[in-house]
Amino acid sequence: MSFDKITIPEGDKITVTADGTLTVPDRPIIPFIEGDGIGIDVTPVMKKVIDAAVEKAYGGKRQIAWMEVYAGEKSTEVYPDGSGLP
């Protein structure tokens, strides 16, 4: 699957089995939205904290593959024709 102007990182999807159980791979792709306002300040720190927690919990055997998706003002910069807005 591909997306216009969104880079899919090396990693794997989180899946749901028939009984509703989540199957989380060692390198799940997790999307994030930086957003407007304080998001630009908070998001990098949040990612560092979560990455450090995953490192501590799994000793390097697991890590998150972060994937930025766009919303708000940033989406208008990435998609100047407005196609990135709902």
PDB file of N, CA and C in Angstrom:
ATOM      1  N   MET A   1       0.842  -1.170   0.000  1.00  0.00           N
ATOM      2  CA  MET A   1       0.000   0.000   0.000  1.00  0.00           C
ATOM      3  C   MET A   1       0.889   1.235   0.000  1.00  0.00           C
ATOM      4  N   SER A   2       0.501   2.260  -0.723  1.00  0.00           N
ATOM      5  CA  SER A   2       1.270   3.494  -0.730  1.00  0.00           C
ATOM      6  C   SER A   2       0.335   4.683  -0.528  1.00  0.00           C
ATOM      7  N   PHE A   3       0.925   5.752  -0.054  1.00  0.00           N
ATOM      8  CA  PHE A   3       0.178   6.971   0.205  1.00  0.00           C
ATOM      9  C   PHE A   3       0.915   8.132  -0.434  1.00  0.00           C
ATOM     10  N   ASP A   4       0.166   9.113  -0.895  1.00  0.00           N
ATOM     11  CA  ASP A   4       0.765  10.297  -1.481  1.00  0.00           C
ATOM     12  C   ASP A   4       1.393  11.145  -0.379  1.00  0.00           C
ATOM     13  N   LYS A   5       2.702  11.329  -0.443  1.00  0.00           N
ATOM     14  CA  LYS A   5       3.466  12.199   0.449  1.00  0.00           C
ATOM     15  C   LYS A   5       3.604  11.680   1.879  1.00  0.00           C
ATOM     16  N   ILE A   6       3.261  10.439   2.119  1.00  0.00           N
ATOM     17  CA  ILE A   6       3.491   9.818   3.425  1.00  0.00           C
ATOM     18  C   ILE A   6       4.443   8.654   3.209  1.00  0.00           C
ATOM     19  N   THR A   7       5.522   8.643   3.970  1.00  0.00           N
ATOM     20  CA  THR A   7       6.509   7.577   3.862  1.00  0.00           C
ATOM     21  C   THR A   7       6.180   6.485   4.874  1.00  0.00           C
ATOM     22  N   ILE A   8       5.999   5.284   4.375  1.00  0.00           N
ATOM     23  CA  ILE A   8       5.739   4.154   5.267  1.00  0.00           C
ATOM     24  C   ILE A   8       7.088   3.599   5.719  1.00  0.00           C
ATOM     25  N   PRO A   9       7.342   3.580   7.032  1.00  0.00           N
ATOM     26  CA  PRO A   9       8.637   3.118   7.526  1.00  0.00           C
ATOM     27  C   PRO A   9       8.766   1.600   7.455  1.00  0.00           C
ATOM     28  N   GLU A  10       9.997   1.128   7.620  1.00  0.00           N
ATOM     29  CA  GLU A  10      10.234  -0.306   7.732  1.00  0.00           C
ATOM     30  C   GLU A  10       9.589  -0.772   9.028  1.00  0.00           C
ATOM     31  N   GLY A  11       8.694  -1.689   8.931  1.00  0.00           N
ATOM     32  CA  GLY A  11       7.991  -2.196  10.100  1.00  0.00           C
ATOM     33  C   GLY A  11       6.823  -3.045   9.645  1.00  0.00           C
ATOM     34  N   ASP A  12       6.005  -3.455  10.587  1.00  0.00           N
ATOM     35  CA  ASP A  12       4.887  -4.340  10.274  1.00  0.00           C
ATOM     36  C   ASP A  12       3.594  -3.816  10.880  1.00  0.00           C
ATOM     37  N   LYS A  13       2.490  -4.256  10.283  1.00  0.00           N
ATOM     38  CA  LYS A  13       1.165  -3.866  10.757  1.00  0.00           C
ATOM     39  C   LYS A  13       0.815  -4.602  12.046  1.00  0.00           C
ATOM     40  N   ILE A  14       0.050  -3.930  12.885  1.00  0.00           N
ATOM     41  CA  ILE A  14      -0.609  -4.595  14.006  1.00  0.00           C
ATOM     42  C   ILE A  14      -1.875  -5.201  13.422  1.00  0.00           C
ATOM     43  N   THR A  15      -2.121  -6.463  13.710  1.00  0.00           N
ATOM     44  CA  THR A  15      -3.296  -7.129  13.148  1.00  0.00           C
ATOM     45  C   THR A  15      -4.234  -7.590  14.258  1.00  0.00           C
ATOM     46  N   VAL A  16      -5.456  -7.880  13.860  1.00  0.00           N
ATOM     47  CA  VAL A  16      -6.469  -8.381  14.786  1.00  0.00           C
ATOM     48  C   VAL A  16      -6.898  -9.757  14.296  1.00  0.00           C
ATOM     49  N   THR A  17      -6.843 -10.743  15.186  1.00  0.00           N
ATOM     50  CA  THR A  17      -7.240 -12.104  14.826  1.00  0.00           C
ATOM     51  C   THR A  17      -8.761 -12.224  14.839  1.00  0.00           C
ATOM     52  N   ALA A  18      -9.261 -13.354  14.402  1.00  0.00           N
ATOM     53  CA  ALA A  18     -10.709 -13.586  14.330  1.00  0.00           C
ATOM     54  C   ALA A  18     -11.389 -13.453  15.689  1.00  0.00           C
ATOM     55  N   ASP A  19     -10.653 -13.788  16.764  1.00  0.00           N
ATOM     56  CA  ASP A  19     -11.263 -13.685  18.096  1.00  0.00           C
ATOM     57  C   ASP A  19     -11.072 -12.308  18.733  1.00  0.00           C
ATOM     58  N   GLY A  20     -10.516 -11.361  17.972  1.00  0.00           N
ATOM     59  CA  GLY A  20     -10.356  -9.993  18.456  1.00  0.00           C
ATOM     60  C   GLY A  20      -9.048  -9.711  19.165  1.00  0.00           C
ATOM     61  N   THR A  21      -8.142 -10.690  19.214  1.00  0.00           N
ATOM     62  CA  THR A  21      -6.849 -10.510  19.856  1.00  0.00           C
ATOM     63  C   THR A  21      -5.920  -9.707  18.952  1.00  0.00           C
ATOM     64  N   LEU A  22      -5.206  -8.764  19.542  1.00  0.00           N
ATOM     65  CA  LEU A  22      -4.212  -8.012  18.781  1.00  0.00           C
ATOM     66  C   LEU A  22      -2.935  -8.825  18.646  1.00  0.00           C
ATOM     67  N   THR A  23      -2.350  -8.792  17.461  1.00  0.00           N
ATOM     68  CA  THR A  23      -1.041  -9.385  17.226  1.00  0.00           C
ATOM     69  C   THR A  23      -0.098  -8.231  16.921  1.00  0.00           C
ATOM     70  N   VAL A  24       0.822  -7.983  17.852  1.00  0.00           N
ATOM     71  CA  VAL A  24       1.731  -6.850  17.724  1.00  0.00           C
ATOM     72  C   VAL A  24       3.114  -7.373  17.355  1.00  0.00           C
ATOM     73  N   PRO A  25       3.632  -6.985  16.186  1.00  0.00           N
ATOM     74  CA  PRO A  25       4.955  -7.445  15.765  1.00  0.00           C
ATOM     75  C   PRO A  25       6.061  -6.760  16.574  1.00  0.00           C
ATOM     76  N   ASP A  26       7.295  -7.201  16.367  1.00  0.00           N
ATOM     77  CA  ASP A  26       8.430  -6.618  17.085  1.00  0.00           C
ATOM     78  C   ASP A  26       8.703  -5.180  16.675  1.00  0.00           C
ATOM     79  N   ARG A  27       8.284  -4.801  15.485  1.00  0.00           N
ATOM     80  CA  ARG A  27       8.482  -3.422  15.008  1.00  0.00           C
ATOM     81  C   ARG A  27       7.167  -2.915  14.405  1.00  0.00           C
ATOM     82  N   PRO A  28       6.186  -2.586  15.263  1.00  0.00           N
ATOM     83  CA  PRO A  28       4.899  -2.130  14.745  1.00  0.00           C
ATOM     84  C   PRO A  28       4.987  -0.720  14.172  1.00  0.00           C
ATOM     85  N   ILE A  29       4.234  -0.480  13.123  1.00  0.00           N
ATOM     86  CA  ILE A  29       4.128   0.861  12.547  1.00  0.00           C
ATOM     87  C   ILE A  29       3.038   1.598  13.319  1.00  0.00           C
ATOM     88  N   ILE A  30       3.424   2.712  13.921  1.00  0.00           N
ATOM     89  CA  ILE A  30       2.492   3.513  14.715  1.00  0.00           C
ATOM     90  C   ILE A  30       2.415   4.910  14.099  1.00  0.00           C
ATOM     91  N   PRO A  31       1.243   5.287  13.601  1.00  0.00           N
ATOM     92  CA  PRO A  31       1.105   6.639  13.052  1.00  0.00           C
ATOM     93  C   PRO A  31       0.986   7.677  14.169  1.00  0.00           C
ATOM     94  N   PHE A  32       1.463   8.879  13.872  1.00  0.00           N
ATOM     95  CA  PHE A  32       1.292   9.979  14.816  1.00  0.00           C
ATOM     96  C   PHE A  32       0.981  11.243  14.039  1.00  0.00           C
ATOM     97  N   ILE A  33       0.277  12.149  14.695  1.00  0.00           N
ATOM     98  CA  ILE A  33      -0.049  13.453  14.127  1.00  0.00           C
ATOM     99  C   ILE A  33       0.618  14.492  15.010  1.00  0.00           C
ATOM    100  N   GLU A  34       1.533  15.262  14.430  1.00  0.00           N
ATOM    101  CA  GLU A  34       2.197  16.299  15.210  1.00  0.00           C
ATOM    102  C   GLU A  34       1.206  17.383  15.613  1.00  0.00           C
ATOM    103  N   GLY A  35       0.342  17.749  14.697  1.00  0.00           N
ATOM    104  CA  GLY A  35      -0.707  18.718  15.011  1.00  0.00           C
ATOM    105  C   GLY A  35      -0.218  20.143  15.143  1.00  0.00           C
ATOM    106  N   ASP A  36      -1.153  20.992  15.499  1.00  0.00           N
ATOM    107  CA  ASP A  36      -0.874  22.417  15.664  1.00  0.00           C
ATOM    108  C   ASP A  36      -0.663  22.721  17.146  1.00  0.00           C
ATOM    109  N   GLY A  37      -0.392  23.947  17.443  1.00  0.00           N
ATOM    110  CA  GLY A  37      -0.239  24.348  18.846  1.00  0.00           C
ATOM    111  C   GLY A  37       1.007  23.744  19.461  1.00  0.00           C
ATOM    112  N   ILE A  38       0.850  23.110  20.626  1.00  0.00           N
ATOM    113  CA  ILE A  38       2.015  22.586  21.345  1.00  0.00           C
ATOM    114  C   ILE A  38       2.523  21.268  20.772  1.00  0.00           C
ATOM    115  N   GLY A  39       1.804  20.704  19.817  1.00  0.00           N
ATOM    116  CA  GLY A  39       2.209  19.422  19.241  1.00  0.00           C
ATOM    117  C   GLY A  39       3.631  19.404  18.733  1.00  0.00           C
ATOM    118  N   ILE A  40       4.049  20.514  18.132  1.00  0.00           N
ATOM    119  CA  ILE A  40       5.406  20.579  17.581  1.00  0.00           C
ATOM    120  C   ILE A  40       6.457  20.486  18.692  1.00  0.00           C
ATOM    121  N   ASP A  41       6.108  20.929  19.898  1.00  0.00           N
ATOM    122  CA  ASP A  41       7.024  20.849  21.038  1.00  0.00           C
ATOM    123  C   ASP A  41       6.913  19.517  21.776  1.00  0.00           C
ATOM    124  N   VAL A  42       5.709  18.984  21.869  1.00  0.00           N
ATOM    125  CA  VAL A  42       5.449  17.792  22.672  1.00  0.00           C
ATOM    126  C   VAL A  42       5.775  16.495  21.930  1.00  0.00           C
ATOM    127  N   THR A  43       5.473  16.433  20.646  1.00  0.00           N
ATOM    128  CA  THR A  43       5.609  15.180  19.897  1.00  0.00           C
ATOM    129  C   THR A  43       7.023  14.596  19.921  1.00  0.00           C
ATOM    130  N   PRO A  44       8.079  15.374  19.640  1.00  0.00           N
ATOM    131  CA  PRO A  44       9.421  14.769  19.674  1.00  0.00           C
ATOM    132  C   PRO A  44       9.783  14.208  21.049  1.00  0.00           C
ATOM    133  N   VAL A  45       9.380  14.897  22.102  1.00  0.00           N
ATOM    134  CA  VAL A  45       9.666  14.429  23.461  1.00  0.00           C
ATOM    135  C   VAL A  45       8.868  13.164  23.765  1.00  0.00           C
ATOM    136  N   MET A  46       7.593  13.154  23.363  1.00  0.00           N
ATOM    137  CA  MET A  46       6.748  11.972  23.565  1.00  0.00           C
ATOM    138  C   MET A  46       7.371  10.749  22.895  1.00  0.00           C
ATOM    139  N   LYS A  47       7.838  10.919  21.664  1.00  0.00           N
ATOM    140  CA  LYS A  47       8.444   9.795  20.949  1.00  0.00           C
ATOM    141  C   LYS A  47       9.697   9.296  21.669  1.00  0.00           C
ATOM    142  N   LYS A  48      10.520  10.215  22.171  1.00  0.00           N
ATOM    143  CA  LYS A  48      11.731   9.816  22.897  1.00  0.00           C
ATOM    144  C   LYS A  48      11.386   9.039  24.167  1.00  0.00           C
ATOM    145  N   VAL A  49      10.373   9.510  24.896  1.00  0.00           N
ATOM    146  CA  VAL A  49       9.968   8.840  26.138  1.00  0.00           C
ATOM    147  C   VAL A  49       9.442   7.438  25.838  1.00  0.00           C
ATOM    148  N   ILE A  50       8.577   7.324  24.835  1.00  0.00           N
ATOM    149  CA  ILE A  50       8.024   6.008  24.492  1.00  0.00           C
ATOM    150  C   ILE A  50       9.115   5.084  23.959  1.00  0.00           C
ATOM    151  N   ASP A  51       9.999   5.607  23.111  1.00  0.00           N
ATOM    152  CA  ASP A  51      11.102   4.780  22.600  1.00  0.00           C
ATOM    153  C   ASP A  51      11.978   4.272  23.747  1.00  0.00           C
ATOM    154  N   ALA A  52      12.260   5.139  24.727  1.00  0.00           N
ATOM    155  CA  ALA A  52      13.076   4.729  25.875  1.00  0.00           C
ATOM    156  C   ALA A  52      12.353   3.673  26.714  1.00  0.00           C
ATOM    157  N   ALA A  53      11.043   3.824  26.877  1.00  0.00           N
ATOM    158  CA  ALA A  53      10.270   2.839  27.645  1.00  0.00           C
ATOM    159  C   ALA A  53      10.258   1.481  26.945  1.00  0.00           C
ATOM    160  N   VAL A  54      10.097   1.483  25.628  1.00  0.00           N
ATOM    161  CA  VAL A  54      10.106   0.228  24.862  1.00  0.00           C
ATOM    162  C   VAL A  54      11.487  -0.417  24.939  1.00  0.00           C
ATOM    163  N   GLU A  55      12.534   0.396  24.826  1.00  0.00           N
ATOM    164  CA  GLU A  55      13.906  -0.116  24.934  1.00  0.00           C
ATOM    165  C   GLU A  55      14.123  -0.767  26.300  1.00  0.00           C
ATOM    166  N   LYS A  56      13.698  -0.088  27.344  1.00  0.00           N
ATOM    167  CA  LYS A  56      13.882  -0.624  28.698  1.00  0.00           C
ATOM    168  C   LYS A  56      13.065  -1.899  28.909  1.00  0.00           C
ATOM    169  N   ALA A  57      11.844  -1.914  28.416  1.00  0.00           N
ATOM    170  CA  ALA A  57      10.960  -3.066  28.620  1.00  0.00           C
ATOM    171  C   ALA A  57      11.389  -4.291  27.826  1.00  0.00           C
ATOM    172  N   TYR A  58      11.907  -4.076  26.614  1.00  0.00           N
ATOM    173  CA  TYR A  58      12.189  -5.207  25.722  1.00  0.00           C
ATOM    174  C   TYR A  58      13.666  -5.385  25.399  1.00  0.00           C
ATOM    175  N   GLY A  59      14.533  -4.587  26.012  1.00  0.00           N
ATOM    176  CA  GLY A  59      15.966  -4.761  25.838  1.00  0.00           C
ATOM    177  C   GLY A  59      16.432  -4.712  24.394  1.00  0.00           C
ATOM    178  N   GLY A  60      15.806  -3.870  23.590  1.00  0.00           N
ATOM    179  CA  GLY A  60      16.211  -3.719  22.198  1.00  0.00           C
ATOM    180  C   GLY A  60      15.588  -4.723  21.244  1.00  0.00           C
ATOM    181  N   LYS A  61      14.798  -5.658  21.746  1.00  0.00           N
ATOM    182  CA  LYS A  61      14.181  -6.670  20.878  1.00  0.00           C
ATOM    183  C   LYS A  61      12.974  -6.126  20.123  1.00  0.00           C
ATOM    184  N   ARG A  62      12.429  -5.022  20.610  1.00  0.00           N
ATOM    185  CA  ARG A  62      11.275  -4.396  19.953  1.00  0.00           C
ATOM    186  C   ARG A  62      11.525  -2.900  19.843  1.00  0.00           C
ATOM    187  N   GLN A  63      10.927  -2.282  18.837  1.00  0.00           N
ATOM    188  CA  GLN A  63      10.956  -0.832  18.711  1.00  0.00           C
ATOM    189  C   GLN A  63       9.793  -0.383  17.836  1.00  0.00           C
ATOM    190  N   ILE A  64       9.455   0.872  17.967  1.00  0.00           N
ATOM    191  CA  ILE A  64       8.329   1.420  17.214  1.00  0.00           C
ATOM    192  C   ILE A  64       8.828   2.029  15.918  1.00  0.00           C
ATOM    193  N   ALA A  65       8.114   1.752  14.842  1.00  0.00           N
ATOM    194  CA  ALA A  65       8.373   2.393  13.550  1.00  0.00           C
ATOM    195  C   ALA A  65       7.364   3.538  13.430  1.00  0.00           C
ATOM    196  N   TRP A  66       7.793   4.749  13.713  1.00  0.00           N
ATOM    197  CA  TRP A  66       6.906   5.912  13.702  1.00  0.00           C
ATOM    198  C   TRP A  66       6.582   6.336  12.277  1.00  0.00           C
ATOM    199  N   MET A  67       5.327   6.664  12.029  1.00  0.00           N
ATOM    200  CA  MET A  67       4.891   7.125  10.703  1.00  0.00           C
ATOM    201  C   MET A  67       4.065   8.398  10.880  1.00  0.00           C
ATOM    202  N   GLU A  68       4.594   9.502  10.380  1.00  0.00           N
ATOM    203  CA  GLU A  68       3.856  10.760  10.501  1.00  0.00           C
ATOM    204  C   GLU A  68       2.733  10.836   9.479  1.00  0.00           C
ATOM    205  N   VAL A  69       1.562  11.205   9.953  1.00  0.00           N
ATOM    206  CA  VAL A  69       0.429  11.535   9.090  1.00  0.00           C
ATOM    207  C   VAL A  69       0.079  12.989   9.393  1.00  0.00           C
ATOM    208  N   TYR A  70      -0.569  13.643   8.462  1.00  0.00           N
ATOM    209  CA  TYR A  70      -0.706  15.089   8.544  1.00  0.00           C
ATOM    210  C   TYR A  70      -2.125  15.538   8.845  1.00  0.00           C
ATOM    211  N   ALA A  71      -2.220  16.592   9.665  1.00  0.00           N
ATOM    212  CA  ALA A  71      -3.499  17.218   9.979  1.00  0.00           C
ATOM    213  C   ALA A  71      -3.238  18.694  10.259  1.00  0.00           C
ATOM    214  N   GLY A  72      -4.280  19.470  10.219  1.00  0.00           N
ATOM    215  CA  GLY A  72      -4.164  20.883  10.548  1.00  0.00           C
ATOM    216  C   GLY A  72      -3.313  21.651   9.565  1.00  0.00           C
ATOM    217  N   GLU A  73      -2.611  22.660  10.087  1.00  0.00           N
ATOM    218  CA  GLU A  73      -1.810  23.543   9.241  1.00  0.00           C
ATOM    219  C   GLU A  73      -0.744  22.781   8.461  1.00  0.00           C
ATOM    220  N   LYS A  74      -0.133  21.800   9.087  1.00  0.00           N
ATOM    221  CA  LYS A  74       0.918  21.037   8.412  1.00  0.00           C
ATOM    222  C   LYS A  74       0.378  20.329   7.173  1.00  0.00           C
ATOM    223  N   SER A  75      -0.871  19.868   7.231  1.00  0.00           N
ATOM    224  CA  SER A  75      -1.445  19.204   6.053  1.00  0.00           C
ATOM    225  C   SER A  75      -1.617  20.181   4.900  1.00  0.00           C
ATOM    226  N   THR A  76      -1.881  21.448   5.210  1.00  0.00           N
ATOM    227  CA  THR A  76      -2.015  22.430   4.124  1.00  0.00           C
ATOM    228  C   THR A  76      -0.660  22.761   3.511  1.00  0.00           C
ATOM    229  N   GLU A  77       0.422  22.585   4.288  1.00  0.00           N
ATOM    230  CA  GLU A  77       1.766  22.773   3.736  1.00  0.00           C
ATOM    231  C   GLU A  77       2.151  21.586   2.854  1.00  0.00           C
ATOM    232  N   VAL A  78       1.817  20.386   3.305  1.00  0.00           N
ATOM    233  CA  VAL A  78       2.165  19.171   2.566  1.00  0.00           C
ATOM    234  C   VAL A  78       1.258  18.986   1.352  1.00  0.00           C
ATOM    235  N   TYR A  79      -0.018  19.329   1.520  1.00  0.00           N
ATOM    236  CA  TYR A  79      -1.014  19.205   0.446  1.00  0.00           C
ATOM    237  C   TYR A  79      -1.602  20.587   0.157  1.00  0.00           C
ATOM    238  N   PRO A  80      -0.872  21.454  -0.560  1.00  0.00           N
ATOM    239  CA  PRO A  80      -1.346  22.821  -0.774  1.00  0.00           C
ATOM    240  C   PRO A  80      -2.667  22.917  -1.543  1.00  0.00           C
ATOM    241  N   ASP A  81      -3.048  21.863  -2.247  1.00  0.00           N
ATOM    242  CA  ASP A  81      -4.319  21.888  -2.981  1.00  0.00           C
ATOM    243  C   ASP A  81      -5.514  21.571  -2.083  1.00  0.00           C
ATOM    244  N   GLY A  82      -5.258  21.320  -0.791  1.00  0.00           N
ATOM    245  CA  GLY A  82      -6.339  21.038   0.147  1.00  0.00           C
ATOM    246  C   GLY A  82      -6.760  19.587   0.195  1.00  0.00           C
ATOM    247  N   SER A  83      -6.119  18.730  -0.588  1.00  0.00           N
ATOM    248  CA  SER A  83      -6.530  17.324  -0.639  1.00  0.00           C
ATOM    249  C   SER A  83      -6.224  16.564   0.648  1.00  0.00           C
ATOM    250  N   GLY A  84      -5.397  17.127   1.522  1.00  0.00           N
ATOM    251  CA  GLY A  84      -5.066  16.458   2.774  1.00  0.00           C
ATOM    252  C   GLY A  84      -6.049  16.723   3.890  1.00  0.00           C
ATOM    253  N   LEU A  85      -7.023  17.582   3.628  1.00  0.00           N
ATOM    254  CA  LEU A  85      -8.022  17.888   4.650  1.00  0.00           C
ATOM    255  C   LEU A  85      -9.292  17.098   4.399  1.00  0.00           C
ATOM    256  N   PRO A  86      -9.980  16.723   5.479  1.00  0.00           N
ATOM    257  CA  PRO A  86     -11.237  15.979   5.295  1.00  0.00           C
ATOM    258  C   PRO A  86     -12.326  16.851   4.686  1.00  0.00           C
TER     259      PRO A  86
END
